[in-house]
């Protein structure tokens, strides 16, 4: 049995990212326009908002297949609770991706999840 304690996370699946964001309490819209910052609006593949009035976060799919976050860093820095939420989103995304990849192994795969 393999032991895996760290899952590097590069977002490549919008559906898994959407699920992870929703589990963390974000309202998510697909193919949306993000509120203007730096003088212009931004079209994003996923737009996430929290009910507490935190700034919107957007994610766009790049030509390399990696999904990157778009946001006003100055406004985001004022909301310290976002950092912890985004860390939990990353962990949930990694877990969802790992669980889904196990499906391709059928009944021969086993995963044990331990919290530290």
N, C-alpha and C. Protein backbone atom coordinates (compact mmCIF):
# COMPACT_ATOMS: atom_id res chain seq x y z
N UNK A 1 0.84 -1.17 0.00
CA UNK A 1 0.00 0.00 0.00
C UNK A 1 0.89 1.24 0.00
N UNK A 2 0.54 2.22 -0.79
CA UNK A 2 1.28 3.47 -0.85
C UNK A 2 0.81 4.41 0.25
N UNK A 3 1.70 5.30 0.64
CA UNK A 3 1.33 6.34 1.60
C UNK A 3 1.53 7.68 0.92
N UNK A 4 0.50 8.48 0.91
CA UNK A 4 0.55 9.80 0.28
C UNK A 4 0.10 10.82 1.30
N UNK A 5 0.97 11.75 1.64
CA UNK A 5 0.59 12.73 2.65
C UNK A 5 0.40 14.13 2.09
N UNK A 6 0.95 14.41 0.92
CA UNK A 6 0.82 15.73 0.32
C UNK A 6 0.35 15.56 -1.12
N UNK A 7 -0.71 16.28 -1.47
CA UNK A 7 -1.21 16.25 -2.83
C UNK A 7 -0.98 17.62 -3.46
N UNK A 8 -0.04 17.73 -4.40
CA UNK A 8 0.13 19.03 -5.06
C UNK A 8 -1.16 19.35 -5.82
N UNK A 9 -1.55 20.62 -5.78
CA UNK A 9 -2.84 20.98 -6.35
C UNK A 9 -2.67 22.02 -7.45
N UNK A 10 -2.90 21.58 -8.66
CA UNK A 10 -3.04 22.50 -9.80
C UNK A 10 -4.46 22.28 -10.29
N UNK A 11 -5.26 23.32 -10.26
CA UNK A 11 -6.65 23.18 -10.68
C UNK A 11 -6.72 22.96 -12.19
N UNK A 12 -7.28 21.84 -12.58
CA UNK A 12 -7.45 21.54 -14.00
C UNK A 12 -8.88 21.12 -14.33
N UNK A 13 -9.71 20.94 -13.31
CA UNK A 13 -11.09 20.49 -13.49
C UNK A 13 -12.04 21.51 -12.88
N UNK A 14 -12.75 22.22 -13.73
CA UNK A 14 -13.68 23.25 -13.25
C UNK A 14 -14.81 22.64 -12.43
N UNK A 15 -15.26 21.43 -12.78
CA UNK A 15 -16.36 20.81 -12.04
C UNK A 15 -15.95 20.48 -10.61
N UNK A 16 -14.73 19.99 -10.42
CA UNK A 16 -14.26 19.69 -9.06
C UNK A 16 -14.01 20.97 -8.27
N UNK A 17 -13.49 21.99 -8.93
CA UNK A 17 -13.27 23.27 -8.25
C UNK A 17 -14.61 23.88 -7.83
N UNK A 18 -15.60 23.80 -8.70
CA UNK A 18 -16.93 24.32 -8.37
C UNK A 18 -17.49 23.60 -7.14
N UNK A 19 -17.37 22.29 -7.11
CA UNK A 19 -17.86 21.51 -5.96
C UNK A 19 -17.13 21.89 -4.69
N UNK A 20 -15.80 22.02 -4.77
CA UNK A 20 -15.01 22.38 -3.59
C UNK A 20 -15.40 23.77 -3.08
N UNK A 21 -15.61 24.71 -3.98
CA UNK A 21 -16.02 26.06 -3.58
C UNK A 21 -17.39 26.04 -2.91
N UNK A 22 -18.31 25.29 -3.48
CA UNK A 22 -19.66 25.22 -2.92
C UNK A 22 -19.64 24.58 -1.53
N UNK A 23 -18.82 23.56 -1.33
CA UNK A 23 -18.71 22.93 -0.02
C UNK A 23 -18.15 23.91 1.02
N UNK A 24 -17.41 24.89 0.57
CA UNK A 24 -16.82 25.87 1.48
C UNK A 24 -17.72 27.10 1.65
N UNK A 25 -18.93 27.06 1.09
CA UNK A 25 -19.90 28.13 1.32
C UNK A 25 -19.96 29.21 0.26
N UNK A 26 -19.23 29.05 -0.83
CA UNK A 26 -19.27 30.03 -1.90
C UNK A 26 -20.49 29.79 -2.80
N UNK A 27 -21.08 30.88 -3.27
CA UNK A 27 -22.06 30.81 -4.35
C UNK A 27 -21.26 30.88 -5.64
N UNK A 28 -21.48 29.92 -6.54
CA UNK A 28 -20.65 29.83 -7.75
C UNK A 28 -21.51 30.00 -8.99
N UNK A 29 -21.04 30.85 -9.90
CA UNK A 29 -21.69 31.03 -11.20
C UNK A 29 -20.69 30.66 -12.29
N UNK A 30 -21.19 30.03 -13.34
CA UNK A 30 -20.34 29.65 -14.48
C UNK A 30 -20.40 30.73 -15.55
N UNK A 31 -19.30 30.90 -16.27
CA UNK A 31 -19.21 31.86 -17.38
C UNK A 31 -19.84 33.19 -16.99
N UNK A 32 -19.21 33.87 -16.06
CA UNK A 32 -19.75 35.12 -15.52
C UNK A 32 -18.77 36.27 -15.72
N UNK A 33 -19.27 37.46 -15.52
CA UNK A 33 -18.43 38.65 -15.60
C UNK A 33 -18.14 39.10 -14.18
N UNK A 34 -16.88 39.25 -13.90
CA UNK A 34 -16.42 39.67 -12.58
C UNK A 34 -16.49 41.19 -12.48
N UNK A 35 -16.87 41.70 -11.31
CA UNK A 35 -16.95 43.14 -11.09
C UNK A 35 -15.62 43.80 -11.46
N UNK A 36 -15.68 45.01 -11.96
CA UNK A 36 -14.46 45.67 -12.42
C UNK A 36 -13.44 45.93 -11.32
N UNK A 37 -12.20 45.71 -11.65
CA UNK A 37 -11.07 46.18 -10.86
C UNK A 37 -9.97 46.47 -11.86
N UNK A 38 -9.08 47.36 -11.51
CA UNK A 38 -8.06 47.86 -12.44
C UNK A 38 -8.71 48.47 -13.69
N UNK A 39 -9.91 48.99 -13.51
CA UNK A 39 -10.57 49.70 -14.60
C UNK A 39 -11.27 48.86 -15.63
N UNK A 40 -11.33 47.53 -15.46
CA UNK A 40 -12.04 46.73 -16.45
C UNK A 40 -12.67 45.49 -15.81
N UNK A 41 -13.73 45.02 -16.45
CA UNK A 41 -14.39 43.79 -16.01
C UNK A 41 -13.64 42.60 -16.58
N UNK A 42 -13.85 41.44 -15.97
CA UNK A 42 -13.14 40.24 -16.41
C UNK A 42 -14.15 39.11 -16.60
N UNK A 43 -14.11 38.47 -17.76
CA UNK A 43 -14.92 37.29 -18.01
C UNK A 43 -14.19 36.10 -17.40
N UNK A 44 -14.88 35.34 -16.54
CA UNK A 44 -14.27 34.20 -15.88
C UNK A 44 -15.11 32.96 -16.09
N UNK A 45 -14.47 31.81 -16.01
CA UNK A 45 -15.19 30.54 -16.15
C UNK A 45 -16.00 30.22 -14.90
N UNK A 46 -15.47 30.54 -13.73
CA UNK A 46 -16.18 30.38 -12.46
C UNK A 46 -16.06 31.67 -11.66
N UNK A 47 -17.18 32.11 -11.11
CA UNK A 47 -17.20 33.29 -10.26
C UNK A 47 -17.74 32.87 -8.90
N UNK A 48 -16.96 33.11 -7.84
CA UNK A 48 -17.35 32.69 -6.50
C UNK A 48 -17.54 33.90 -5.60
N UNK A 49 -18.65 33.87 -4.86
CA UNK A 49 -18.96 34.93 -3.91
C UNK A 49 -19.34 34.31 -2.58
N UNK A 50 -19.00 35.01 -1.51
CA UNK A 50 -19.43 34.62 -0.17
C UNK A 50 -20.54 35.56 0.27
N UNK A 51 -21.48 35.07 1.06
CA UNK A 51 -22.56 35.92 1.51
C UNK A 51 -22.12 37.04 2.47
N UNK A 52 -20.89 36.97 2.99
CA UNK A 52 -20.43 37.97 3.97
C UNK A 52 -19.92 39.26 3.34
N UNK A 53 -20.01 39.40 2.02
CA UNK A 53 -19.57 40.62 1.36
C UNK A 53 -18.10 40.65 0.99
N UNK A 54 -17.40 39.53 1.13
CA UNK A 54 -16.01 39.45 0.70
C UNK A 54 -15.94 39.71 -0.81
N UNK A 55 -14.78 40.14 -1.29
CA UNK A 55 -14.65 40.38 -2.73
C UNK A 55 -14.87 39.11 -3.54
N UNK A 56 -15.36 39.28 -4.75
CA UNK A 56 -15.55 38.14 -5.65
C UNK A 56 -14.22 37.56 -6.05
N UNK A 57 -14.23 36.26 -6.29
CA UNK A 57 -13.06 35.56 -6.79
C UNK A 57 -13.45 34.92 -8.11
N UNK A 58 -12.57 34.98 -9.07
CA UNK A 58 -12.84 34.36 -10.36
C UNK A 58 -11.76 33.37 -10.72
N UNK A 59 -12.13 32.41 -11.56
CA UNK A 59 -11.17 31.44 -12.06
C UNK A 59 -11.37 31.31 -13.55
N UNK A 60 -10.25 31.30 -14.28
CA UNK A 60 -10.29 31.15 -15.72
C UNK A 60 -9.40 30.03 -16.19
N UNK A 61 -9.86 29.32 -17.19
CA UNK A 61 -9.10 28.21 -17.77
C UNK A 61 -8.11 28.76 -18.78
N UNK A 62 -6.83 28.47 -18.55
CA UNK A 62 -5.79 28.92 -19.44
C UNK A 62 -5.59 27.98 -20.61
N UNK A 63 -4.84 28.40 -21.59
CA UNK A 63 -4.58 27.58 -22.77
C UNK A 63 -3.79 26.32 -22.43
N UNK A 64 -3.11 26.33 -21.27
CA UNK A 64 -2.34 25.16 -20.83
C UNK A 64 -3.19 24.16 -20.05
N UNK A 65 -4.49 24.46 -19.88
CA UNK A 65 -5.39 23.55 -19.17
C UNK A 65 -5.43 23.78 -17.67
N UNK A 66 -4.67 24.75 -17.17
CA UNK A 66 -4.64 25.04 -15.74
C UNK A 66 -5.60 26.20 -15.46
N UNK A 67 -6.36 26.06 -14.39
CA UNK A 67 -7.31 27.09 -13.99
C UNK A 67 -6.62 28.01 -12.99
N UNK A 68 -6.64 29.31 -13.29
CA UNK A 68 -5.96 30.27 -12.42
C UNK A 68 -6.98 31.24 -11.81
N UNK A 69 -6.65 31.71 -10.62
CA UNK A 69 -7.54 32.63 -9.92
C UNK A 69 -7.33 34.05 -10.41
N UNK A 70 -8.42 34.79 -10.49
CA UNK A 70 -8.41 36.20 -10.86
C UNK A 70 -9.05 36.96 -9.70
N UNK A 71 -8.41 38.00 -9.23
CA UNK A 71 -8.99 38.76 -8.14
C UNK A 71 -8.21 40.03 -7.87
N UNK A 72 -8.85 40.93 -7.18
CA UNK A 72 -8.22 42.18 -6.78
C UNK A 72 -7.44 41.91 -5.49
N UNK A 73 -6.14 41.70 -5.61
CA UNK A 73 -5.32 41.31 -4.47
C UNK A 73 -5.36 42.31 -3.33
N UNK A 74 -5.46 43.59 -3.65
CA UNK A 74 -5.52 44.60 -2.61
C UNK A 74 -6.78 44.43 -1.76
N UNK A 75 -7.92 44.21 -2.39
CA UNK A 75 -9.17 44.00 -1.65
C UNK A 75 -9.18 42.65 -0.96
N UNK A 76 -8.63 41.63 -1.60
CA UNK A 76 -8.60 40.30 -1.00
C UNK A 76 -7.76 40.26 0.27
N UNK A 77 -6.68 41.03 0.29
CA UNK A 77 -5.78 41.04 1.45
C UNK A 77 -6.46 41.56 2.70
N UNK A 78 -7.52 42.33 2.55
CA UNK A 78 -8.25 42.88 3.70
C UNK A 78 -9.17 41.84 4.35
N UNK A 79 -9.39 40.73 3.71
CA UNK A 79 -10.30 39.69 4.21
C UNK A 79 -9.49 38.45 4.57
N UNK A 80 -8.95 38.44 5.76
CA UNK A 80 -8.06 37.37 6.18
C UNK A 80 -8.75 36.01 6.25
N UNK A 81 -10.05 35.98 6.45
CA UNK A 81 -10.75 34.69 6.51
C UNK A 81 -10.74 33.99 5.16
N UNK A 82 -10.55 34.74 4.08
CA UNK A 82 -10.51 34.14 2.75
C UNK A 82 -9.32 33.19 2.60
N UNK A 83 -8.20 33.53 3.20
CA UNK A 83 -7.00 32.70 3.06
C UNK A 83 -7.27 31.28 3.58
N UNK A 84 -7.86 31.19 4.76
CA UNK A 84 -8.16 29.88 5.33
C UNK A 84 -9.18 29.13 4.48
N UNK A 85 -10.18 29.85 4.00
CA UNK A 85 -11.20 29.21 3.14
C UNK A 85 -10.57 28.68 1.86
N UNK A 86 -9.70 29.46 1.26
CA UNK A 86 -9.07 29.03 0.01
C UNK A 86 -8.14 27.83 0.24
N UNK A 87 -7.52 27.78 1.40
CA UNK A 87 -6.71 26.60 1.72
C UNK A 87 -7.59 25.36 1.84
N UNK A 88 -8.77 25.52 2.46
CA UNK A 88 -9.69 24.39 2.57
C UNK A 88 -10.24 23.99 1.20
N UNK A 89 -10.47 24.98 0.33
CA UNK A 89 -10.92 24.67 -1.04
C UNK A 89 -9.86 23.84 -1.75
N UNK A 90 -8.60 24.22 -1.61
CA UNK A 90 -7.51 23.49 -2.26
C UNK A 90 -7.43 22.05 -1.74
N UNK A 91 -7.57 21.89 -0.43
CA UNK A 91 -7.52 20.54 0.14
C UNK A 91 -8.70 19.69 -0.33
N UNK A 92 -9.89 20.29 -0.36
CA UNK A 92 -11.07 19.55 -0.80
C UNK A 92 -10.95 19.19 -2.29
N UNK A 93 -10.45 20.12 -3.09
CA UNK A 93 -10.26 19.85 -4.52
C UNK A 93 -9.30 18.67 -4.69
N UNK A 94 -8.19 18.70 -3.96
CA UNK A 94 -7.21 17.61 -4.06
C UNK A 94 -7.83 16.28 -3.65
N UNK A 95 -8.62 16.30 -2.59
CA UNK A 95 -9.28 15.08 -2.14
C UNK A 95 -10.28 14.57 -3.17
N UNK A 96 -11.10 15.46 -3.72
CA UNK A 96 -12.06 15.07 -4.75
C UNK A 96 -11.36 14.48 -5.97
N UNK A 97 -10.25 15.10 -6.37
CA UNK A 97 -9.50 14.60 -7.53
C UNK A 97 -8.91 13.22 -7.23
N UNK A 98 -8.39 13.05 -6.01
CA UNK A 98 -7.81 11.75 -5.64
C UNK A 98 -8.88 10.67 -5.58
N UNK A 99 -10.03 11.00 -4.99
CA UNK A 99 -11.12 10.02 -4.92
C UNK A 99 -11.61 9.64 -6.30
N UNK A 100 -11.72 10.63 -7.17
CA UNK A 100 -12.18 10.33 -8.52
C UNK A 100 -11.17 9.49 -9.29
N UNK A 101 -9.88 9.75 -9.10
CA UNK A 101 -8.87 8.97 -9.81
C UNK A 101 -8.84 7.53 -9.32
N UNK A 102 -9.25 7.31 -8.06
CA UNK A 102 -9.32 5.94 -7.54
C UNK A 102 -10.39 5.12 -8.24
N UNK A 103 -11.44 5.79 -8.71
CA UNK A 103 -12.53 5.09 -9.39
C UNK A 103 -12.02 4.29 -10.59
N UNK A 104 -10.97 4.77 -11.24
CA UNK A 104 -10.48 4.08 -12.42
C UNK A 104 -9.76 2.78 -12.05
N UNK A 105 -9.41 2.59 -10.76
CA UNK A 105 -8.75 1.35 -10.34
C UNK A 105 -9.75 0.28 -9.92
N UNK A 106 -11.03 0.66 -9.82
CA UNK A 106 -12.05 -0.30 -9.43
C UNK A 106 -11.92 -0.71 -7.98
N UNK A 107 -12.24 -1.94 -7.68
CA UNK A 107 -12.27 -2.39 -6.29
C UNK A 107 -10.89 -2.73 -5.74
N UNK A 108 -9.83 -2.64 -6.55
CA UNK A 108 -8.50 -2.97 -6.06
C UNK A 108 -7.82 -1.84 -5.32
N UNK A 109 -8.41 -0.64 -5.33
CA UNK A 109 -7.81 0.52 -4.68
C UNK A 109 -8.39 0.72 -3.30
N UNK A 110 -7.53 1.16 -2.38
CA UNK A 110 -7.95 1.45 -1.01
C UNK A 110 -7.36 2.79 -0.62
N UNK A 111 -8.16 3.63 0.04
CA UNK A 111 -7.64 4.90 0.52
C UNK A 111 -7.99 5.03 2.00
N UNK A 112 -7.00 5.43 2.78
CA UNK A 112 -7.21 5.71 4.20
C UNK A 112 -6.92 7.19 4.39
N UNK A 113 -7.88 7.90 4.96
CA UNK A 113 -7.73 9.33 5.18
C UNK A 113 -7.54 9.56 6.67
N UNK A 114 -6.42 10.18 7.02
CA UNK A 114 -6.12 10.50 8.41
C UNK A 114 -5.93 11.99 8.54
N UNK A 115 -6.48 12.56 9.58
CA UNK A 115 -6.24 13.98 9.83
C UNK A 115 -5.14 14.11 10.87
N UNK A 116 -4.32 15.12 10.70
CA UNK A 116 -3.20 15.34 11.60
C UNK A 116 -3.41 16.60 12.39
